[in-house]
Amino acid sequence: MKRLSLSSLLISLLILTHVINAQESAKFEKIRDTSPDGKFAVRISCSSEPEDPKDIDPNLITAVELVSLPSKKVVMNLPQEEGRFRRVIWSQDSKRFAFPLSEGHRVTYTHVYHRSGDDFTRLETEDEVRVDAKGDVRNEYVTPIRWINPSVLLLEQYDIFRGGEGKDATYRFTAKFDEKTGKFRIISRKKVPSKE
């Protein structure tokens, strides 16, 4: 009997230590990018309190999660790029959100997640939410700007071409989500002056 109670005591101490360590690992958290319906938000957890909570040092970020409100229950972990996380842009009906994510130093795609009930599914958008540029593209950065309406997303794409010709290109375009197919299609595009 002593062996059983000693084992129980040891297990209890281990569980308590784990809970305390988990609480200590996130010494600061910030809730931001709340959905229009107020049911979801992004929680950024940090190992210590940042000097500027509006501009968090990427080295402090330990987790980026989509949480339900007000409980803060984790709905999903969101991918980060080298510890950084940019803003989530919600559709007006809170059924979709988009954010840019770099895949290396030369490519940034826009990731879009679609809501069904309380679950979100990532849509395969790398080929759908971009425009084809004429030329030999070296770097491509696709960034969401805003939702024009709940199914139409306005984006900007900046392309750098090989050869250092200085003929970079910037496009503003809109992509419409089709509920039936679950895919996006480009409905307008315009070349705009590139930023220096």
Protein backbone atom coordinates (compact mmCIF):
# COMPACT_ATOMS: atom_id res chain seq x y z
CA MET A 1 0.00 0.00 0.00
CA LYS A 2 2.90 2.34 0.78
CA ARG A 3 4.33 1.68 -2.66
CA LEU A 4 1.04 2.64 -4.32
CA SER A 5 0.65 5.90 -2.37
CA LEU A 6 4.32 6.81 -2.98
CA SER A 7 3.79 6.23 -6.72
CA SER A 8 0.63 8.33 -6.65
CA LEU A 9 2.47 11.11 -4.84
CA LEU A 10 5.32 11.02 -7.37
CA ILE A 11 2.90 11.13 -10.32
CA SER A 12 1.02 14.04 -8.72
CA LEU A 13 4.29 15.96 -8.26
CA LEU A 14 5.27 15.35 -11.88
CA ILE A 15 1.89 16.57 -13.14
CA LEU A 16 2.06 19.66 -10.91
CA THR A 17 5.61 20.43 -12.12
CA HIS A 18 4.47 20.08 -15.75
CA VAL A 19 1.53 22.47 -15.16
CA ILE A 20 3.80 25.04 -13.47
CA ASN A 21 6.37 24.80 -16.30
CA ALA A 22 3.64 25.22 -18.93
CA GLN A 23 2.40 28.34 -17.15
CA GLU A 24 5.92 29.75 -16.92
CA SER A 25 6.71 29.12 -20.60
CA ALA A 26 4.11 31.69 -21.71
CA LYS A 27 4.86 34.71 -19.54
CA PHE A 28 3.09 37.09 -21.91
CA GLU A 29 0.24 36.68 -24.36
CA LYS A 30 -1.43 39.08 -26.73
CA ILE A 31 -4.89 38.62 -28.23
CA ARG A 32 -5.34 40.36 -31.58
CA ASP A 33 -6.95 40.07 -35.02
CA THR A 34 -10.41 39.31 -33.62
CA SER A 35 -12.97 38.02 -36.13
CA PRO A 36 -15.87 40.38 -36.99
CA ASP A 37 -18.34 38.12 -35.15
CA GLY A 38 -16.12 38.22 -32.04
CA LYS A 39 -15.89 34.41 -31.81
CA PHE A 40 -12.22 33.94 -32.76
CA ALA A 41 -8.89 35.72 -32.40
CA VAL A 42 -5.16 35.18 -32.73
CA ARG A 43 -3.20 34.59 -29.51
CA ILE A 44 0.53 35.24 -29.57
CA SER A 45 2.39 33.69 -26.62
CA CYS A 46 5.84 34.91 -25.62
CA SER A 47 8.57 33.63 -23.32
CA SER A 48 8.77 37.06 -21.63
CA GLU A 49 7.08 40.43 -21.83
CA PRO A 50 8.20 42.35 -24.94
CA GLU A 51 9.55 45.89 -24.70
CA ASP A 52 6.93 47.00 -27.24
CA PRO A 53 3.75 44.84 -27.28
CA LYS A 54 2.80 46.42 -30.63
CA ASP A 55 6.05 45.24 -32.24
CA ILE A 56 6.99 41.93 -30.61
CA ASP A 57 10.55 40.67 -31.04
CA PRO A 58 10.23 37.41 -33.07
CA ASN A 59 12.72 35.70 -30.73
CA LEU A 60 10.21 35.98 -27.86
CA ILE A 61 7.31 34.28 -29.68
CA THR A 62 6.70 30.72 -28.48
CA ALA A 63 3.31 30.05 -30.14
CA VAL A 64 0.74 31.59 -32.48
CA GLU A 65 -2.73 30.09 -32.19
CA LEU A 66 -6.24 30.71 -33.38
CA VAL A 67 -8.44 30.63 -30.27
CA SER A 68 -12.18 30.73 -29.66
CA LEU A 69 -13.52 33.55 -27.53
CA PRO A 70 -14.15 34.11 -24.71
CA SER A 71 -12.74 30.74 -23.53
CA LYS A 72 -9.39 31.10 -25.39
CA LYS A 73 -9.60 27.40 -26.28
CA VAL A 74 -7.08 26.58 -29.02
CA VAL A 75 -8.79 25.97 -32.37
CA MET A 76 -5.55 25.52 -34.31
CA ASN A 77 -1.86 26.41 -34.37
CA LEU A 78 -0.94 28.93 -37.04
CA PRO A 79 2.30 28.63 -39.02
CA GLN A 80 5.04 31.19 -38.39
CA GLU A 81 7.94 32.35 -40.46
CA GLU A 82 11.18 32.50 -38.49
CA GLY A 83 9.25 33.40 -35.35
CA ARG A 84 7.32 36.23 -37.02
CA PHE A 85 3.62 36.34 -37.65
CA ARG A 86 1.84 38.92 -39.75
CA ARG A 87 -1.75 40.08 -39.42
CA VAL A 88 -4.78 37.89 -40.11
CA ILE A 89 -7.33 39.50 -42.42
CA TRP A 90 -10.89 38.31 -41.76
CA SER A 91 -13.77 38.23 -44.23
CA GLN A 92 -16.77 40.27 -43.08
CA ASP A 93 -18.82 37.12 -42.34
CA SER A 94 -15.96 35.54 -40.31
CA LYS A 95 -16.02 32.45 -42.56
CA ARG A 96 -12.54 32.99 -44.00
CA PHE A 97 -9.25 34.53 -43.00
CA ALA A 98 -6.06 35.17 -44.94
CA PHE A 99 -2.46 35.99 -44.08
CA PRO A 100 0.88 36.04 -45.91
CA LEU A 101 3.49 33.41 -45.13
CA SER A 102 7.04 33.37 -46.50
CA GLU A 103 8.41 30.10 -47.75
CA GLY A 104 12.10 30.95 -47.83
CA HIS A 105 13.40 34.39 -48.74
CA ARG A 106 12.13 34.42 -52.30
CA VAL A 107 8.47 33.45 -52.05
CA THR A 108 5.51 34.65 -50.00
CA TYR A 109 2.12 33.09 -50.57
CA THR A 110 -1.24 34.05 -49.15
CA HIS A 111 -2.73 31.31 -47.00
CA VAL A 112 -6.53 31.21 -46.73
CA TYR A 113 -8.52 29.22 -44.19
CA HIS A 114 -12.24 28.44 -44.54
CA ARG A 115 -14.58 27.93 -41.59
CA SER A 116 -17.06 25.09 -41.29
CA GLY A 117 -18.78 25.12 -37.89
CA ASP A 118 -16.00 25.82 -35.39
CA ASP A 119 -13.28 24.19 -37.53
CA PHE A 120 -11.03 25.87 -40.09
CA THR A 121 -9.52 24.16 -43.11
CA ARG A 122 -6.64 25.49 -45.15
CA LEU A 123 -7.48 25.99 -48.80
CA GLU A 124 -4.82 25.12 -51.39
CA THR A 125 -4.33 28.62 -52.80
CA GLU A 126 -0.70 28.82 -53.99
CA ASP A 127 -1.70 28.46 -57.67
CA GLU A 128 -5.15 30.05 -57.38
CA VAL A 129 -4.35 33.25 -55.48
CA ARG A 130 -1.63 34.73 -57.70
CA VAL A 131 -1.31 36.12 -61.21
CA ASP A 132 1.00 34.84 -63.94
CA ALA A 133 3.69 37.41 -64.68
CA LYS A 134 5.39 37.51 -68.06
CA GLY A 135 9.11 36.89 -67.67
CA ASP A 136 11.54 34.83 -65.64
CA VAL A 137 10.42 35.47 -62.05
CA ARG A 138 13.08 35.09 -59.35
CA ASN A 139 11.15 36.32 -56.29
CA GLU A 140 7.39 36.51 -55.79
CA TYR A 141 5.52 38.04 -52.86
CA VAL A 142 1.72 37.73 -52.68
CA THR A 143 0.08 39.66 -49.83
CA PRO A 144 -3.62 39.96 -48.92
CA ILE A 145 -4.85 43.54 -48.50
CA ARG A 146 -8.53 43.26 -47.54
CA TRP A 147 -11.76 41.41 -48.21
CA ILE A 148 -13.93 43.46 -50.58
CA ASN A 149 -16.90 41.31 -49.61
CA PRO A 150 -17.14 37.92 -47.82
CA SER A 151 -16.05 35.98 -50.93
CA VAL A 152 -13.74 38.42 -52.77
CA LEU A 153 -10.17 39.06 -51.57
CA LEU A 154 -8.02 41.97 -52.78
CA LEU A 155 -4.31 41.10 -53.01
CA GLU A 156 -1.03 42.58 -54.15
CA GLN A 157 1.72 40.63 -55.91
CA TYR A 158 5.28 41.90 -56.30
CA ASP A 159 7.57 40.05 -58.73
CA ILE A 160 11.33 40.44 -59.13
CA PHE A 161 12.68 39.11 -62.42
CA ARG A 162 16.00 37.32 -63.02
CA GLY A 163 18.84 39.18 -64.65
CA GLY A 164 18.66 42.36 -62.59
CA GLU A 165 16.88 44.17 -65.39
CA GLY A 166 15.13 46.47 -62.93
CA LYS A 167 11.81 45.58 -64.51
CA ASP A 168 10.05 44.41 -61.40
CA ALA A 169 6.26 44.22 -61.55
CA THR A 170 3.48 44.87 -59.04
CA TYR A 171 -0.09 43.71 -59.57
CA ARG A 172 -3.29 44.42 -57.66
CA PHE A 173 -5.86 41.71 -58.22
CA THR A 174 -9.04 40.23 -56.81
CA ALA A 175 -9.74 36.55 -56.22
CA LYS A 176 -13.30 35.27 -55.74
CA PHE A 177 -14.08 32.21 -53.63
CA ASP A 178 -16.63 29.81 -55.13
CA GLU A 179 -18.61 27.99 -52.42
CA LYS A 180 -19.55 25.15 -54.81
CA THR A 181 -16.01 24.27 -55.93
CA GLY A 182 -14.18 25.44 -52.78
CA LYS A 183 -11.64 27.24 -55.00
CA PHE A 184 -10.61 30.78 -55.87
CA ARG A 185 -10.49 32.31 -59.34
CA ILE A 186 -8.97 35.62 -60.39
CA ILE A 187 -11.70 38.07 -61.48
CA SER A 188 -9.63 41.22 -62.05
CA ARG A 189 -6.00 42.26 -62.26
CA LYS A 190 -4.17 45.52 -62.82
CA LYS A 191 -0.48 46.33 -63.07
CA VAL A 192 0.45 49.18 -60.75
CA PRO A 193 3.71 51.14 -60.31
CA SER A 194 6.23 49.17 -58.24
CA LYS A 195 7.37 50.54 -54.91
CA GLU A 196 10.99 51.63 -54.83
